[in-house]
N, C-alpha and C. Protein backbone atom coordinates (compact mmCIF):
# COMPACT_ATOMS: atom_id res chain seq x y z
N MET A 1 3.45 -5.33 -8.08
CA MET A 1 4.65 -4.70 -8.60
C MET A 1 4.76 -3.28 -8.04
N ILE A 2 5.92 -2.97 -7.57
CA ILE A 2 6.14 -1.67 -6.93
C ILE A 2 6.60 -0.65 -7.96
N SER A 3 5.96 0.50 -7.95
CA SER A 3 6.25 1.54 -8.94
C SER A 3 7.55 2.29 -8.62
N ASN A 4 8.05 2.95 -9.65
CA ASN A 4 9.24 3.79 -9.46
C ASN A 4 8.93 4.98 -8.55
N ILE A 5 7.68 5.43 -8.57
CA ILE A 5 7.27 6.54 -7.71
C ILE A 5 7.45 6.14 -6.24
N SER A 6 6.99 4.92 -5.90
CA SER A 6 7.14 4.43 -4.53
C SER A 6 8.61 4.37 -4.14
N LYS A 7 9.44 3.91 -5.06
CA LYS A 7 10.88 3.80 -4.79
C LYS A 7 11.50 5.17 -4.56
N ARG A 8 11.07 6.15 -5.36
CA ARG A 8 11.63 7.50 -5.20
C ARG A 8 11.27 8.12 -3.86
N TYR A 9 10.01 7.98 -3.46
CA TYR A 9 9.60 8.51 -2.15
C TYR A 9 10.33 7.78 -1.03
N ALA A 10 10.41 6.46 -1.15
CA ALA A 10 11.09 5.67 -0.12
C ALA A 10 12.56 6.06 -0.04
N ARG A 11 13.21 6.22 -1.19
CA ARG A 11 14.62 6.59 -1.23
C ARG A 11 14.84 7.95 -0.59
N ALA A 12 13.99 8.91 -0.92
CA ALA A 12 14.14 10.26 -0.36
C ALA A 12 14.00 10.24 1.16
N PHE A 13 12.98 9.55 1.66
CA PHE A 13 12.77 9.49 3.11
C PHE A 13 13.88 8.70 3.78
N PHE A 14 14.34 7.65 3.11
CA PHE A 14 15.42 6.84 3.66
C PHE A 14 16.72 7.66 3.77
N GLU A 15 17.01 8.45 2.77
CA GLU A 15 18.23 9.27 2.80
C GLU A 15 18.21 10.27 3.96
N ILE A 16 17.04 10.83 4.21
CA ILE A 16 16.90 11.74 5.35
C ILE A 16 17.13 10.97 6.65
N ALA A 17 16.51 9.79 6.75
CA ALA A 17 16.65 8.96 7.94
C ALA A 17 18.10 8.56 8.16
N ASN A 18 18.80 8.25 7.08
CA ASN A 18 20.20 7.85 7.16
C ASN A 18 21.07 9.02 7.64
N GLU A 19 20.81 10.21 7.12
CA GLU A 19 21.55 11.40 7.56
C GLU A 19 21.34 11.66 9.05
N GLU A 20 20.11 11.44 9.51
CA GLU A 20 19.78 11.71 10.90
C GLU A 20 20.06 10.50 11.81
N LYS A 21 20.56 9.42 11.23
CA LYS A 21 20.86 8.18 11.97
C LYS A 21 19.61 7.65 12.69
N GLN A 22 18.49 7.71 11.98
CA GLN A 22 17.21 7.27 12.52
C GLN A 22 16.55 6.23 11.60
N ILE A 23 17.35 5.46 10.89
CA ILE A 23 16.83 4.52 9.89
C ILE A 23 15.75 3.61 10.47
N GLU A 24 16.06 2.92 11.54
CA GLU A 24 15.12 1.95 12.10
C GLU A 24 13.93 2.63 12.80
N VAL A 25 14.18 3.76 13.43
CA VAL A 25 13.10 4.49 14.10
C VAL A 25 12.05 4.93 13.09
N TYR A 26 12.50 5.54 11.99
CA TYR A 26 11.56 6.01 10.97
C TYR A 26 10.84 4.84 10.31
N TYR A 27 11.55 3.74 10.11
CA TYR A 27 10.91 2.56 9.52
C TYR A 27 9.77 2.07 10.42
N LYS A 28 10.04 1.96 11.72
CA LYS A 28 9.00 1.49 12.65
C LYS A 28 7.79 2.41 12.63
N GLU A 29 8.03 3.71 12.57
CA GLU A 29 6.92 4.66 12.54
C GLU A 29 6.11 4.53 11.26
N LEU A 30 6.80 4.46 10.13
CA LEU A 30 6.10 4.30 8.85
C LEU A 30 5.31 3.01 8.83
N TYR A 31 5.94 1.94 9.28
CA TYR A 31 5.30 0.62 9.30
C TYR A 31 4.06 0.64 10.20
N GLN A 32 4.20 1.27 11.36
CA GLN A 32 3.09 1.36 12.30
C GLN A 32 1.90 2.10 11.67
N PHE A 33 2.18 3.21 11.02
CA PHE A 33 1.12 4.00 10.40
C PHE A 33 0.48 3.23 9.24
N ALA A 34 1.31 2.61 8.41
CA ALA A 34 0.81 1.84 7.26
C ALA A 34 -0.03 0.66 7.73
N SER A 35 0.34 0.06 8.85
CA SER A 35 -0.42 -1.07 9.40
C SER A 35 -1.82 -0.65 9.81
N VAL A 36 -1.93 0.51 10.41
CA VAL A 36 -3.24 1.02 10.82
C VAL A 36 -4.14 1.16 9.59
N ILE A 37 -3.58 1.69 8.52
CA ILE A 37 -4.36 1.87 7.29
C ILE A 37 -4.72 0.53 6.66
N SER A 38 -3.75 -0.35 6.54
CA SER A 38 -4.00 -1.62 5.85
C SER A 38 -4.96 -2.53 6.62
N GLU A 39 -5.03 -2.37 7.93
CA GLU A 39 -5.93 -3.19 8.74
C GLU A 39 -7.38 -2.70 8.68
N ASN A 40 -7.59 -1.50 8.17
CA ASN A 40 -8.93 -0.93 8.09
C ASN A 40 -9.28 -0.69 6.62
N LYS A 41 -10.01 -1.63 6.04
CA LYS A 41 -10.32 -1.57 4.61
C LYS A 41 -11.05 -0.29 4.21
N SER A 42 -12.01 0.15 5.01
CA SER A 42 -12.75 1.36 4.65
C SER A 42 -11.85 2.60 4.69
N LEU A 43 -10.93 2.64 5.64
CA LEU A 43 -9.97 3.75 5.71
C LEU A 43 -9.05 3.72 4.49
N LYS A 44 -8.56 2.53 4.16
CA LYS A 44 -7.69 2.37 3.00
C LYS A 44 -8.39 2.80 1.72
N ASP A 45 -9.64 2.36 1.56
CA ASP A 45 -10.42 2.73 0.38
C ASP A 45 -10.67 4.24 0.33
N PHE A 46 -10.97 4.83 1.48
CA PHE A 46 -11.21 6.28 1.57
C PHE A 46 -9.98 7.06 1.10
N LEU A 47 -8.80 6.68 1.61
CA LEU A 47 -7.58 7.41 1.27
C LEU A 47 -7.18 7.23 -0.19
N ALA A 48 -7.54 6.08 -0.77
CA ALA A 48 -7.17 5.80 -2.16
C ALA A 48 -8.17 6.37 -3.16
N ASN A 49 -9.37 6.73 -2.70
CA ASN A 49 -10.43 7.17 -3.60
C ASN A 49 -10.25 8.65 -3.97
N PRO A 50 -10.10 8.96 -5.27
CA PRO A 50 -9.89 10.35 -5.68
C PRO A 50 -11.14 11.23 -5.57
N ILE A 51 -12.29 10.61 -5.34
CA ILE A 51 -13.54 11.38 -5.23
C ILE A 51 -13.53 12.26 -3.98
N PHE A 52 -12.94 11.75 -2.89
CA PHE A 52 -12.92 12.50 -1.64
C PHE A 52 -11.90 13.63 -1.69
N GLU A 53 -12.26 14.74 -1.08
CA GLU A 53 -11.39 15.93 -1.09
C GLU A 53 -10.12 15.72 -0.28
N GLN A 54 -9.09 16.40 -0.70
CA GLN A 54 -7.80 16.32 -0.02
C GLN A 54 -7.90 16.82 1.42
N THR A 55 -8.72 17.84 1.64
CA THR A 55 -8.83 18.37 3.00
C THR A 55 -9.43 17.33 3.94
N SER A 56 -10.37 16.54 3.45
CA SER A 56 -10.96 15.47 4.27
C SER A 56 -9.91 14.41 4.58
N LYS A 57 -9.15 14.04 3.56
CA LYS A 57 -8.10 13.03 3.76
C LYS A 57 -7.05 13.55 4.73
N LYS A 58 -6.70 14.81 4.56
CA LYS A 58 -5.70 15.42 5.44
C LYS A 58 -6.19 15.41 6.90
N GLY A 59 -7.46 15.70 7.09
CA GLY A 59 -8.03 15.70 8.43
C GLY A 59 -7.98 14.32 9.07
N VAL A 60 -8.32 13.31 8.29
CA VAL A 60 -8.29 11.93 8.81
C VAL A 60 -6.86 11.52 9.16
N VAL A 61 -5.92 11.82 8.27
CA VAL A 61 -4.51 11.49 8.53
C VAL A 61 -4.01 12.24 9.76
N ASP A 62 -4.37 13.51 9.88
CA ASP A 62 -3.95 14.28 11.06
C ASP A 62 -4.53 13.70 12.34
N ASN A 63 -5.78 13.23 12.30
CA ASN A 63 -6.38 12.59 13.48
C ASN A 63 -5.63 11.32 13.86
N LEU A 64 -5.24 10.54 12.86
CA LEU A 64 -4.46 9.32 13.13
C LEU A 64 -3.09 9.67 13.72
N ILE A 65 -2.46 10.66 13.13
CA ILE A 65 -1.14 11.10 13.59
C ILE A 65 -1.21 11.54 15.06
N ALA A 66 -2.28 12.25 15.41
CA ALA A 66 -2.44 12.77 16.78
C ALA A 66 -2.53 11.63 17.80
N LYS A 67 -3.02 10.48 17.37
CA LYS A 67 -3.18 9.35 18.28
C LYS A 67 -1.93 8.48 18.37
N MET A 68 -0.93 8.78 17.55
CA MET A 68 0.29 7.98 17.53
C MET A 68 1.48 8.85 17.93
N LYS A 69 2.49 8.19 18.44
CA LYS A 69 3.72 8.91 18.78
C LYS A 69 4.68 8.78 17.60
N LEU A 70 4.69 9.83 16.78
CA LEU A 70 5.54 9.84 15.59
C LEU A 70 6.48 11.04 15.63
N SER A 71 7.65 10.87 15.04
CA SER A 71 8.61 11.97 14.98
C SER A 71 8.11 13.04 14.01
N LYS A 72 8.64 14.24 14.16
CA LYS A 72 8.25 15.35 13.28
C LYS A 72 8.53 15.02 11.82
N MET A 73 9.64 14.33 11.58
CA MET A 73 10.02 14.01 10.21
C MET A 73 9.02 13.04 9.58
N THR A 74 8.61 12.03 10.32
CA THR A 74 7.63 11.07 9.81
C THR A 74 6.29 11.76 9.57
N VAL A 75 5.87 12.61 10.48
CA VAL A 75 4.63 13.36 10.33
C VAL A 75 4.69 14.22 9.07
N SER A 76 5.79 14.91 8.87
CA SER A 76 5.95 15.74 7.67
C SER A 76 5.88 14.90 6.40
N PHE A 77 6.51 13.74 6.43
CA PHE A 77 6.51 12.85 5.27
C PHE A 77 5.10 12.35 4.96
N LEU A 78 4.37 11.96 5.98
CA LEU A 78 3.00 11.47 5.78
C LEU A 78 2.10 12.58 5.24
N ARG A 79 2.27 13.77 5.75
CA ARG A 79 1.47 14.91 5.25
C ARG A 79 1.83 15.22 3.80
N LEU A 80 3.10 15.10 3.47
CA LEU A 80 3.54 15.30 2.09
C LEU A 80 2.86 14.28 1.16
N LEU A 81 2.79 13.04 1.60
CA LEU A 81 2.14 12.00 0.80
C LEU A 81 0.67 12.33 0.56
N VAL A 82 0.00 12.87 1.56
CA VAL A 82 -1.41 13.27 1.39
C VAL A 82 -1.49 14.43 0.40
N ASP A 83 -0.63 15.45 0.58
CA ASP A 83 -0.64 16.62 -0.30
C ASP A 83 -0.39 16.24 -1.76
N LYS A 84 0.51 15.31 -1.97
CA LYS A 84 0.88 14.89 -3.34
C LYS A 84 -0.01 13.76 -3.87
N LYS A 85 -1.04 13.42 -3.11
CA LYS A 85 -1.98 12.36 -3.49
C LYS A 85 -1.28 11.01 -3.68
N ARG A 86 -0.38 10.71 -2.74
CA ARG A 86 0.39 9.47 -2.80
C ARG A 86 0.21 8.61 -1.54
N ILE A 87 -0.68 8.97 -0.67
CA ILE A 87 -0.86 8.21 0.57
C ILE A 87 -1.32 6.78 0.28
N ASP A 88 -1.95 6.58 -0.88
CA ASP A 88 -2.44 5.25 -1.24
C ASP A 88 -1.31 4.28 -1.59
N ILE A 89 -0.10 4.77 -1.80
CA ILE A 89 1.04 3.87 -2.10
C ILE A 89 1.96 3.72 -0.88
N LEU A 90 1.46 4.06 0.29
CA LEU A 90 2.29 4.00 1.50
C LEU A 90 2.84 2.60 1.75
N GLU A 91 2.03 1.56 1.55
CA GLU A 91 2.51 0.19 1.78
C GLU A 91 3.72 -0.13 0.90
N ASP A 92 3.66 0.27 -0.37
CA ASP A 92 4.79 0.04 -1.28
C ASP A 92 6.01 0.85 -0.85
N ILE A 93 5.78 2.05 -0.38
CA ILE A 93 6.88 2.90 0.10
C ILE A 93 7.56 2.23 1.30
N VAL A 94 6.75 1.69 2.21
CA VAL A 94 7.29 1.00 3.38
C VAL A 94 8.12 -0.21 2.95
N THR A 95 7.63 -0.97 1.98
CA THR A 95 8.35 -2.14 1.47
C THR A 95 9.70 -1.73 0.88
N CYS A 96 9.70 -0.69 0.07
CA CYS A 96 10.96 -0.20 -0.53
C CYS A 96 11.92 0.31 0.54
N TYR A 97 11.38 1.07 1.47
CA TYR A 97 12.19 1.62 2.56
C TYR A 97 12.88 0.47 3.31
N ARG A 98 12.10 -0.58 3.60
CA ARG A 98 12.66 -1.73 4.32
C ARG A 98 13.81 -2.37 3.52
N GLN A 99 13.66 -2.44 2.20
CA GLN A 99 14.72 -3.00 1.37
C GLN A 99 15.98 -2.14 1.46
N PHE A 100 15.83 -0.82 1.39
CA PHE A 100 16.98 0.07 1.52
C PHE A 100 17.63 -0.08 2.89
N MET A 101 16.79 -0.18 3.93
CA MET A 101 17.28 -0.33 5.29
C MET A 101 18.06 -1.64 5.44
N ASP A 102 17.49 -2.72 4.94
CA ASP A 102 18.15 -4.03 5.04
C ASP A 102 19.48 -4.04 4.32
N GLU A 103 19.53 -3.41 3.15
CA GLU A 103 20.78 -3.31 2.39
C GLU A 103 21.84 -2.57 3.20
N THR A 104 21.47 -1.44 3.74
CA THR A 104 22.40 -0.60 4.49
C THR A 104 22.88 -1.29 5.76
N LEU A 105 21.96 -1.96 6.46
CA LEU A 105 22.31 -2.62 7.72
C LEU A 105 22.83 -4.04 7.52
N LYS A 106 22.97 -4.44 6.24
CA LYS A 106 23.44 -5.79 5.89
C LYS A 106 22.59 -6.86 6.60
N LYS A 107 21.28 -6.73 6.41
CA LYS A 107 20.30 -7.64 6.99
C LYS A 107 19.61 -8.39 5.86
N ILE A 108 19.20 -9.61 6.14
CA ILE A 108 18.40 -10.35 5.17
C ILE A 108 17.28 -11.07 5.91
N ARG A 109 16.13 -11.05 5.30
CA ARG A 109 14.96 -11.70 5.89
C ARG A 109 14.82 -13.08 5.28
N VAL A 110 14.67 -14.06 6.15
CA VAL A 110 14.60 -15.46 5.74
C VAL A 110 13.33 -16.08 6.30
N ASN A 111 12.64 -16.84 5.43
CA ASN A 111 11.44 -17.54 5.85
C ASN A 111 11.73 -19.03 5.89
N VAL A 112 11.52 -19.65 7.04
CA VAL A 112 11.81 -21.07 7.22
C VAL A 112 10.49 -21.80 7.49
N LYS A 113 10.25 -22.86 6.71
CA LYS A 113 9.06 -23.69 6.93
C LYS A 113 9.52 -25.08 7.33
N THR A 114 8.90 -25.61 8.38
CA THR A 114 9.21 -26.96 8.84
C THR A 114 7.90 -27.69 9.14
N ALA A 115 7.99 -29.01 9.15
CA ALA A 115 6.80 -29.81 9.45
C ALA A 115 6.53 -29.82 10.95
N PHE A 116 7.57 -29.64 11.74
CA PHE A 116 7.45 -29.71 13.20
C PHE A 116 8.10 -28.49 13.83
N PRO A 117 7.73 -28.17 15.06
CA PRO A 117 8.34 -27.01 15.74
C PRO A 117 9.86 -27.18 15.87
N LEU A 118 10.57 -26.07 15.69
CA LEU A 118 12.03 -26.09 15.84
C LEU A 118 12.41 -25.75 17.28
N SER A 119 13.40 -26.45 17.78
CA SER A 119 13.92 -26.12 19.11
C SER A 119 14.72 -24.83 19.00
N ASP A 120 14.95 -24.17 20.11
CA ASP A 120 15.76 -22.95 20.11
C ASP A 120 17.16 -23.23 19.60
N GLU A 121 17.68 -24.40 19.95
CA GLU A 121 19.02 -24.80 19.51
C GLU A 121 19.07 -24.93 17.98
N MET A 122 18.04 -25.53 17.38
CA MET A 122 17.99 -25.70 15.93
C MET A 122 17.80 -24.36 15.23
N ARG A 123 16.96 -23.49 15.79
CA ARG A 123 16.79 -22.14 15.23
C ARG A 123 18.13 -21.41 15.19
N SER A 124 18.84 -21.48 16.29
CA SER A 124 20.14 -20.82 16.39
C SER A 124 21.12 -21.41 15.38
N PHE A 125 21.13 -22.72 15.24
CA PHE A 125 22.02 -23.41 14.30
C PHE A 125 21.74 -22.94 12.87
N ILE A 126 20.46 -22.93 12.48
CA ILE A 126 20.08 -22.50 11.13
C ILE A 126 20.46 -21.05 10.90
N SER A 127 20.13 -20.20 11.86
CA SER A 127 20.41 -18.77 11.75
C SER A 127 21.91 -18.51 11.63
N THR A 128 22.70 -19.15 12.47
CA THR A 128 24.16 -18.97 12.46
C THR A 128 24.76 -19.41 11.13
N ASN A 129 24.32 -20.55 10.62
CA ASN A 129 24.87 -21.05 9.35
C ASN A 129 24.44 -20.19 8.17
N LEU A 130 23.22 -19.68 8.19
CA LEU A 130 22.77 -18.78 7.13
C LEU A 130 23.58 -17.48 7.16
N GLU A 131 23.83 -16.95 8.36
CA GLU A 131 24.61 -15.73 8.48
C GLU A 131 26.03 -15.92 7.93
N LYS A 132 26.62 -17.10 8.22
CA LYS A 132 27.96 -17.39 7.71
C LYS A 132 27.97 -17.47 6.19
N SER A 133 27.00 -18.17 5.63
CA SER A 133 27.00 -18.37 4.18
C SER A 133 26.55 -17.12 3.41
N LEU A 134 25.68 -16.32 3.98
CA LEU A 134 25.17 -15.14 3.29
C LEU A 134 25.98 -13.87 3.60
N GLY A 135 26.71 -13.90 4.71
CA GLY A 135 27.50 -12.73 5.09
C GLY A 135 26.66 -11.55 5.55
N LYS A 136 25.45 -11.84 6.01
CA LYS A 136 24.55 -10.80 6.49
C LYS A 136 23.87 -11.26 7.77
N THR A 137 23.34 -10.30 8.52
CA THR A 137 22.56 -10.62 9.71
C THR A 137 21.22 -11.17 9.25
N VAL A 138 20.83 -12.28 9.82
CA VAL A 138 19.59 -12.95 9.40
C VAL A 138 18.46 -12.64 10.36
N GLU A 139 17.34 -12.22 9.78
CA GLU A 139 16.11 -12.05 10.55
C GLU A 139 15.18 -13.16 10.08
N MET A 140 14.98 -14.15 10.93
CA MET A 140 14.33 -15.39 10.53
C MET A 140 12.89 -15.47 11.05
N THR A 141 12.00 -15.86 10.13
CA THR A 141 10.61 -16.15 10.49
C THR A 141 10.40 -17.64 10.28
N VAL A 142 9.84 -18.31 11.29
CA VAL A 142 9.64 -19.76 11.21
C VAL A 142 8.15 -20.07 11.18
N GLU A 143 7.75 -20.88 10.21
CA GLU A 143 6.36 -21.32 10.09
C GLU A 143 6.31 -22.83 10.15
N GLU A 144 5.24 -23.34 10.73
CA GLU A 144 5.02 -24.79 10.71
C GLU A 144 4.07 -25.11 9.57
N ASP A 145 4.41 -26.14 8.78
CA ASP A 145 3.60 -26.57 7.66
C ASP A 145 3.59 -28.09 7.64
N SER A 146 2.54 -28.69 8.16
CA SER A 146 2.48 -30.15 8.30
C SER A 146 2.43 -30.87 6.95
N THR A 147 2.11 -30.15 5.87
CA THR A 147 2.08 -30.79 4.55
C THR A 147 3.46 -31.15 4.03
N LEU A 148 4.51 -30.62 4.67
CA LEU A 148 5.88 -30.91 4.23
C LEU A 148 6.30 -32.34 4.60
N LEU A 149 5.62 -32.96 5.54
CA LEU A 149 5.90 -34.30 6.05
C LEU A 149 7.16 -34.36 6.90
N GLY A 150 8.16 -33.61 6.56
CA GLY A 150 9.43 -33.57 7.29
C GLY A 150 10.40 -32.70 6.52
N GLY A 151 11.55 -32.45 7.07
CA GLY A 151 12.55 -31.63 6.39
C GLY A 151 12.30 -30.15 6.61
N ILE A 152 12.88 -29.35 5.70
CA ILE A 152 12.84 -27.90 5.87
C ILE A 152 12.84 -27.22 4.51
N VAL A 153 12.15 -26.07 4.44
CA VAL A 153 12.16 -25.23 3.25
C VAL A 153 12.60 -23.84 3.70
N ILE A 154 13.64 -23.32 3.05
CA ILE A 154 14.17 -22.01 3.43
C ILE A 154 14.05 -21.06 2.24
N GLY A 155 13.38 -19.94 2.47
CA GLY A 155 13.25 -18.91 1.44
C GLY A 155 14.12 -17.73 1.78
N VAL A 156 15.04 -17.40 0.86
CA VAL A 156 15.94 -16.26 1.03
C VAL A 156 15.73 -15.36 -0.19
N GLY A 157 14.99 -14.27 0.00
CA GLY A 157 14.68 -13.40 -1.13
C GLY A 157 13.86 -14.18 -2.15
N ASP A 158 14.35 -14.22 -3.39
CA ASP A 158 13.65 -14.94 -4.45
C ASP A 158 14.08 -16.39 -4.56
N THR A 159 15.03 -16.81 -3.74
CA THR A 159 15.56 -18.18 -3.81
C THR A 159 14.90 -19.06 -2.77
N LEU A 160 14.55 -20.28 -3.19
CA LEU A 160 13.90 -21.24 -2.30
C LEU A 160 14.76 -22.49 -2.24
N TYR A 161 15.17 -22.87 -1.03
CA TYR A 161 15.92 -24.10 -0.80
C TYR A 161 14.95 -25.10 -0.20
N ASP A 162 14.57 -26.10 -0.99
CA ASP A 162 13.54 -27.04 -0.57
C ASP A 162 14.14 -28.39 -0.22
N GLY A 163 14.30 -28.64 1.08
CA GLY A 163 14.81 -29.91 1.56
C GLY A 163 13.73 -30.70 2.27
N SER A 164 12.49 -30.52 1.81
CA SER A 164 11.37 -31.20 2.46
C SER A 164 11.22 -32.62 1.92
N ILE A 165 10.67 -33.48 2.73
CA ILE A 165 10.40 -34.86 2.31
C ILE A 165 9.37 -34.86 1.19
N LYS A 166 8.40 -33.98 1.27
CA LYS A 166 7.37 -33.87 0.22
C LYS A 166 8.04 -33.59 -1.13
N ASN A 167 8.98 -32.68 -1.18
CA ASN A 167 9.69 -32.35 -2.43
C ASN A 167 10.51 -33.54 -2.90
N GLN A 168 11.18 -34.23 -1.98
CA GLN A 168 12.00 -35.39 -2.36
C GLN A 168 11.13 -36.50 -2.93
N LEU A 169 9.95 -36.72 -2.34
CA LEU A 169 9.02 -37.72 -2.86
C LEU A 169 8.52 -37.34 -4.25
N ASN A 170 8.22 -36.06 -4.44
CA ASN A 170 7.79 -35.59 -5.76
C ASN A 170 8.89 -35.78 -6.80
N ASN A 171 10.13 -35.51 -6.42
CA ASN A 171 11.26 -35.70 -7.33
C ASN A 171 11.41 -37.17 -7.70
N MET A 172 11.27 -38.07 -6.71
CA MET A 172 11.37 -39.51 -6.99
C MET A 172 10.23 -39.95 -7.90
N ARG A 173 9.04 -39.44 -7.65
CA ARG A 173 7.88 -39.77 -8.48
C ARG A 173 8.14 -39.35 -9.92
N ASN A 174 8.69 -38.15 -10.10
CA ASN A 174 9.00 -37.66 -11.45
C ASN A 174 10.06 -38.52 -12.12
N LEU A 175 11.10 -38.89 -11.37
CA LEU A 175 12.17 -39.74 -11.92
C LEU A 175 11.62 -41.10 -12.33
N LEU A 176 10.79 -41.69 -11.49
CA LEU A 176 10.21 -43.00 -11.80
C LEU A 176 9.27 -42.90 -13.01
N GLY A 177 8.57 -41.80 -13.12
CA GLY A 177 7.67 -41.59 -14.28
C GLY A 177 8.45 -41.46 -15.56
N GLU A 178 9.64 -40.84 -15.52
CA GLU A 178 10.48 -40.68 -16.70
C GLU A 178 11.16 -41.97 -17.10
N ALA A 179 11.37 -42.85 -16.13
CA ALA A 179 12.10 -44.11 -16.38
C ALA A 179 11.26 -45.13 -17.15
N ARG A 180 9.98 -44.95 -17.25
CA ARG A 180 9.11 -45.90 -17.96
C ARG A 180 9.39 -45.96 -19.41
């Protein structure tokens, strides 16, 4: 669950990015930095642990920043998070920021699961129809899941459209069980 604090920081940084017309640039930078932290468990634990001094944390963050190409605004924001002892919620901030960005850019992220690989033509067909029905630009991720047996499962936000053969078989099994 994402805290209101994460939302406030994300909103503040997003508003600056929007004013400067750098929404996607700042998102990529934040995401890149957060990925480095999340991929290194000991680094993540170090930054989240209140036992370690702020100056040590600041030094580590500054060393990371020096190795990455980040804008001055993103660097200032990351340093602010360290100063305010909020660097440990960076992942949540990135998630919130992405939601604000997607809303503004009228984008929606869709997860598609199929039993077999989709052709480029089928990917395009699904994407085009989702864009028409949702009225937003679709950013689609496709996963293969052989347990589906066939068909397709589409996740749009909190909504799941399950057209898999596995689901249809389960529904028939439930109906037959109720008919006894």
